[in-house]
Amino acid sequence: MKPFIKLMLATLVGCAAQIAIAQSVQLSYPIDYSVLQRNNSDQAVVTIAGQVAGGSSSVSNYQLYYRTSILDASGNAISTTGWSSLGMQSNGSYYTTPVFSKGWYRLDMGVYNSFGGNIAVAASVKFGVGDVFMIAGQSNA
């Protein structure tokens, strides 16, 4: 019985540590519900950037990942990519620029715990790729 209790305590401590790290992941870009202008090929380069509070030394046993889901008009996921690894600088910042086709997406940032072997979602935003219009003028513009 005692080995079981020790195992449960170790699992709880590992999960608590992963939740704490997941809470320190800050996603700076893309901004929730932002729309990025597409090019003539109906694609846009999307910057995924942010920082882990405390720098990379505080997360040496963790790895950052991201995945995207294509959303339908109701905001439901049609398909989801697998997790892709993200490199992290010594100050805890991360940055990548994948290309997306036109449409709506959900971006999930995840933290992988080498002890527990699972990915905890740390941040999630919705963004779109399409046409951006700016309307200015009087109230009837």
C-alpha atoms as a PDB file:
ATOM      1  CA  MET A   1       0.000   0.000   0.000  1.00  0.00           C
ATOM      2  CA  LYS A   2       2.828   2.424   0.815  1.00  0.00           C
ATOM      3  CA  PRO A   3       4.439   2.191  -2.676  1.00  0.00           C
ATOM      4  CA  PHE A   4       1.047   3.082  -4.160  1.00  0.00           C
ATOM      5  CA  ILE A   5       0.773   6.174  -1.956  1.00  0.00           C
ATOM      6  CA  LYS A   6       4.314   7.236  -2.885  1.00  0.00           C
ATOM      7  CA  LEU A   7       3.482   6.794  -6.568  1.00  0.00           C
ATOM      8  CA  MET A   8       0.306   8.847  -6.205  1.00  0.00           C
ATOM      9  CA  LEU A   9       2.162  11.629  -4.373  1.00  0.00           C
ATOM     10  CA  ALA A  10       4.898  11.711  -7.021  1.00  0.00           C
ATOM     11  CA  THR A  11       2.250  11.887  -9.759  1.00  0.00           C
ATOM     12  CA  LEU A  12       0.435  14.737  -7.993  1.00  0.00           C
ATOM     13  CA  VAL A  13       3.664  16.690  -7.497  1.00  0.00           C
ATOM     14  CA  GLY A  14       4.586  16.196 -11.174  1.00  0.00           C
ATOM     15  CA  CYS A  15       1.140  17.345 -12.317  1.00  0.00           C
ATOM     16  CA  ALA A  16       1.238  20.373 -10.020  1.00  0.00           C
ATOM     17  CA  ALA A  17       4.662  21.353 -11.368  1.00  0.00           C
ATOM     18  CA  GLN A  18       3.441  20.989 -14.946  1.00  0.00           C
ATOM     19  CA  ILE A  19       0.384  23.139 -14.233  1.00  0.00           C
ATOM     20  CA  ALA A  20       2.630  25.802 -12.682  1.00  0.00           C
ATOM     21  CA  ILE A  21       4.892  25.825 -15.760  1.00  0.00           C
ATOM     22  CA  ALA A  22       1.866  25.845 -18.080  1.00  0.00           C
ATOM     23  CA  GLN A  23       0.564  28.931 -16.280  1.00  0.00           C
ATOM     24  CA  SER A  24       3.864  30.730 -16.904  1.00  0.00           C
ATOM     25  CA  VAL A  25       3.659  30.348 -20.728  1.00  0.00           C
ATOM     26  CA  GLN A  26       2.702  33.692 -22.270  1.00  0.00           C
ATOM     27  CA  LEU A  27       1.511  33.814 -25.874  1.00  0.00           C
ATOM     28  CA  SER A  28       2.116  37.302 -27.291  1.00  0.00           C
ATOM     29  CA  TYR A  29       1.156  36.666 -30.895  1.00  0.00           C
ATOM     30  CA  PRO A  30      -1.180  35.912 -32.597  1.00  0.00           C
ATOM     31  CA  ILE A  31      -3.720  37.912 -30.627  1.00  0.00           C
ATOM     32  CA  ASP A  32      -7.070  36.242 -29.950  1.00  0.00           C
ATOM     33  CA  TYR A  33      -9.507  36.760 -32.855  1.00  0.00           C
ATOM     34  CA  SER A  34      -6.967  38.654 -34.969  1.00  0.00           C
ATOM     35  CA  VAL A  35      -7.125  38.369 -38.775  1.00  0.00           C
ATOM     36  CA  LEU A  36      -3.957  38.353 -40.865  1.00  0.00           C
ATOM     37  CA  GLN A  37      -3.951  39.525 -44.473  1.00  0.00           C
ATOM     38  CA  ARG A  38      -3.600  36.708 -47.009  1.00  0.00           C
ATOM     39  CA  ASN A  39      -1.402  36.963 -50.104  1.00  0.00           C
ATOM     40  CA  ASN A  40      -2.336  36.144 -53.736  1.00  0.00           C
ATOM     41  CA  SER A  41      -1.842  32.443 -52.978  1.00  0.00           C
ATOM     42  CA  ASP A  42      -4.472  32.624 -50.180  1.00  0.00           C
ATOM     43  CA  GLN A  43      -1.767  32.130 -47.541  1.00  0.00           C
ATOM     44  CA  ALA A  44      -0.183  34.168 -44.761  1.00  0.00           C
ATOM     45  CA  VAL A  45       2.948  33.833 -42.658  1.00  0.00           C
ATOM     46  CA  VAL A  46       1.786  33.788 -39.031  1.00  0.00           C
ATOM     47  CA  THR A  47       4.162  34.747 -36.246  1.00  0.00           C
ATOM     48  CA  ILE A  48       3.824  32.579 -33.139  1.00  0.00           C
ATOM     49  CA  ALA A  49       5.738  34.273 -30.350  1.00  0.00           C
ATOM     50  CA  GLY A  50       5.782  34.588 -26.601  1.00  0.00           C
ATOM     51  CA  GLN A  51       7.802  33.964 -23.487  1.00  0.00           C
ATOM     52  CA  VAL A  52       7.995  31.601 -20.551  1.00  0.00           C
ATOM     53  CA  ALA A  53       8.173  33.575 -17.292  1.00  0.00           C
ATOM     54  CA  GLY A  54      11.446  32.893 -15.469  1.00  0.00           C
ATOM     55  CA  GLY A  55      13.411  31.988 -18.607  1.00  0.00           C
ATOM     56  CA  SER A  56      14.311  28.596 -19.977  1.00  0.00           C
ATOM     57  CA  SER A  57      16.350  27.615 -16.896  1.00  0.00           C
ATOM     58  CA  SER A  58      13.082  27.353 -14.939  1.00  0.00           C
ATOM     59  CA  VAL A  59      11.707  24.832 -17.448  1.00  0.00           C
ATOM     60  CA  SER A  60      14.736  22.651 -18.173  1.00  0.00           C
ATOM     61  CA  ASN A  61      12.669  19.444 -17.907  1.00  0.00           C
ATOM     62  CA  TYR A  62       9.942  20.790 -20.187  1.00  0.00           C
ATOM     63  CA  GLN A  63       9.551  21.322 -23.926  1.00  0.00           C
ATOM     64  CA  LEU A  64       7.197  23.752 -25.670  1.00  0.00           C
ATOM     65  CA  TYR A  65       4.909  22.533 -28.444  1.00  0.00           C
ATOM     66  CA  TYR A  66       2.139  24.015 -30.566  1.00  0.00           C
ATOM     67  CA  ARG A  67      -0.688  22.592 -32.655  1.00  0.00           C
ATOM     68  CA  THR A  68      -3.370  24.163 -34.821  1.00  0.00           C
ATOM     69  CA  SER A  69      -6.949  23.226 -35.555  1.00  0.00           C
ATOM     70  CA  ILE A  70      -8.901  24.311 -38.631  1.00  0.00           C
ATOM     71  CA  LEU A  71     -12.256  25.685 -37.493  1.00  0.00           C
ATOM     72  CA  ASP A  72     -15.627  25.647 -39.244  1.00  0.00           C
ATOM     73  CA  ALA A  73     -18.049  28.594 -39.306  1.00  0.00           C
ATOM     74  CA  SER A  74     -19.384  27.627 -35.865  1.00  0.00           C
ATOM     75  CA  GLY A  75     -15.895  27.539 -34.324  1.00  0.00           C
ATOM     76  CA  ASN A  76     -15.731  23.746 -34.096  1.00  0.00           C
ATOM     77  CA  ALA A  77     -12.491  21.966 -34.979  1.00  0.00           C
ATOM     78  CA  ILE A  78     -12.618  20.209 -38.351  1.00  0.00           C
ATOM     79  CA  SER A  79      -9.082  18.834 -38.186  1.00  0.00           C
ATOM     80  CA  THR A  80      -6.129  19.193 -35.844  1.00  0.00           C
ATOM     81  CA  THR A  81      -2.427  18.912 -36.595  1.00  0.00           C
ATOM     82  CA  GLY A  82      -0.034  17.000 -34.397  1.00  0.00           C
ATOM     83  CA  TRP A  83       2.126  18.767 -31.831  1.00  0.00           C
ATOM     84  CA  SER A  84       5.159  20.600 -33.302  1.00  0.00           C
ATOM     85  CA  SER A  85       8.195  21.363 -31.155  1.00  0.00           C
ATOM     86  CA  LEU A  86       9.221  24.964 -30.468  1.00  0.00           C
ATOM     87  CA  GLY A  87      12.751  26.033 -29.588  1.00  0.00           C
ATOM     88  CA  MET A  88      13.231  28.365 -26.659  1.00  0.00           C
ATOM     89  CA  GLN A  89      15.915  31.025 -26.130  1.00  0.00           C
ATOM     90  CA  SER A  90      17.852  31.325 -22.863  1.00  0.00           C
ATOM     91  CA  ASN A  91      15.596  34.198 -21.767  1.00  0.00           C
ATOM     92  CA  GLY A  92      12.527  31.974 -22.232  1.00  0.00           C
ATOM     93  CA  SER A  93      11.284  33.560 -25.454  1.00  0.00           C
ATOM     94  CA  TYR A  94      10.056  31.443 -28.361  1.00  0.00           C
ATOM     95  CA  TYR A  95       9.315  32.313 -31.978  1.00  0.00           C
ATOM     96  CA  THR A  96       8.311  30.570 -35.192  1.00  0.00           C
ATOM     97  CA  THR A  97       6.640  31.589 -38.473  1.00  0.00           C
ATOM     98  CA  PRO A  98       4.550  28.839 -40.088  1.00  0.00           C
ATOM     99  CA  VAL A  99       2.441  29.457 -43.205  1.00  0.00           C
ATOM    100  CA  PHE A 100      -1.351  29.051 -43.040  1.00  0.00           C
ATOM    101  CA  SER A 101      -3.977  28.999 -45.781  1.00  0.00           C
ATOM    102  CA  LYS A 102      -7.075  31.184 -45.582  1.00  0.00           C
ATOM    103  CA  GLY A 103      -9.580  30.260 -42.896  1.00  0.00           C
ATOM    104  CA  TRP A 104     -10.062  30.260 -39.120  1.00  0.00           C
ATOM    105  CA  TYR A 105      -7.704  28.455 -36.761  1.00  0.00           C
ATOM    106  CA  ARG A 106      -7.223  27.673 -33.096  1.00  0.00           C
ATOM    107  CA  LEU A 107      -3.629  27.659 -31.861  1.00  0.00           C
ATOM    108  CA  ASP A 108      -2.824  25.641 -28.733  1.00  0.00           C
ATOM    109  CA  MET A 109       0.465  26.065 -26.896  1.00  0.00           C
ATOM    110  CA  GLY A 110       1.504  23.047 -24.857  1.00  0.00           C
ATOM    111  CA  VAL A 111       4.122  22.106 -22.299  1.00  0.00           C
ATOM    112  CA  TYR A 112       5.563  18.583 -22.361  1.00  0.00           C
ATOM    113  CA  ASN A 113       6.769  17.175 -19.065  1.00  0.00           C
ATOM    114  CA  SER A 114       9.631  14.708 -19.495  1.00  0.00           C
ATOM    115  CA  PHE A 115       8.688  13.119 -16.153  1.00  0.00           C
ATOM    116  CA  GLY A 116       4.960  12.650 -16.736  1.00  0.00           C
ATOM    117  CA  GLY A 117       5.132  12.171 -20.486  1.00  0.00           C
ATOM    118  CA  ASN A 118       2.048  14.224 -21.360  1.00  0.00           C
ATOM    119  CA  ILE A 119       1.321  17.651 -22.857  1.00  0.00           C
ATOM    120  CA  ALA A 120      -0.652  20.238 -20.878  1.00  0.00           C
ATOM    121  CA  VAL A 121      -2.301  22.990 -22.923  1.00  0.00           C
ATOM    122  CA  ALA A 122      -0.926  26.285 -21.625  1.00  0.00           C
ATOM    123  CA  ALA A 123      -2.570  28.842 -23.939  1.00  0.00           C
ATOM    124  CA  SER A 124      -5.137  28.823 -26.718  1.00  0.00           C
ATOM    125  CA  VAL A 125      -6.160  31.538 -29.196  1.00  0.00           C
ATOM    126  CA  LYS A 126      -8.318  31.754 -32.312  1.00  0.00           C
ATOM    127  CA  PHE A 127      -7.088  33.646 -35.370  1.00  0.00           C
ATOM    128  CA  GLY A 128      -7.935  33.954 -39.034  1.00  0.00           C
ATOM    129  CA  VAL A 129      -6.217  34.326 -42.389  1.00  0.00           C
ATOM    130  CA  GLY A 130      -8.131  36.303 -44.989  1.00  0.00           C
ATOM    131  CA  ASP A 131      -8.846  39.832 -46.104  1.00  0.00           C
ATOM    132  CA  VAL A 132      -8.444  42.791 -43.782  1.00  0.00           C
ATOM    133  CA  PHE A 133     -10.445  45.924 -44.589  1.00  0.00           C
ATOM    134  CA  MET A 134     -10.191  49.332 -42.999  1.00  0.00           C
ATOM    135  CA  ILE A 135     -13.219  51.575 -43.294  1.00  0.00           C
ATOM    136  CA  ALA A 136     -12.983  55.221 -42.343  1.00  0.00           C
ATOM    137  CA  GLY A 137     -15.263  58.159 -42.735  1.00  0.00           C
ATOM    138  CA  GLN A 138     -18.645  59.225 -41.545  1.00  0.00           C
ATOM    139  CA  SER A 139     -21.081  57.038 -39.681  1.00  0.00           C
ATOM    140  CA  ASN A 140     -22.613  55.842 -42.977  1.00  0.00           C
ATOM    141  CA  ALA A 141     -19.240  54.629 -44.362  1.00  0.00           C
END
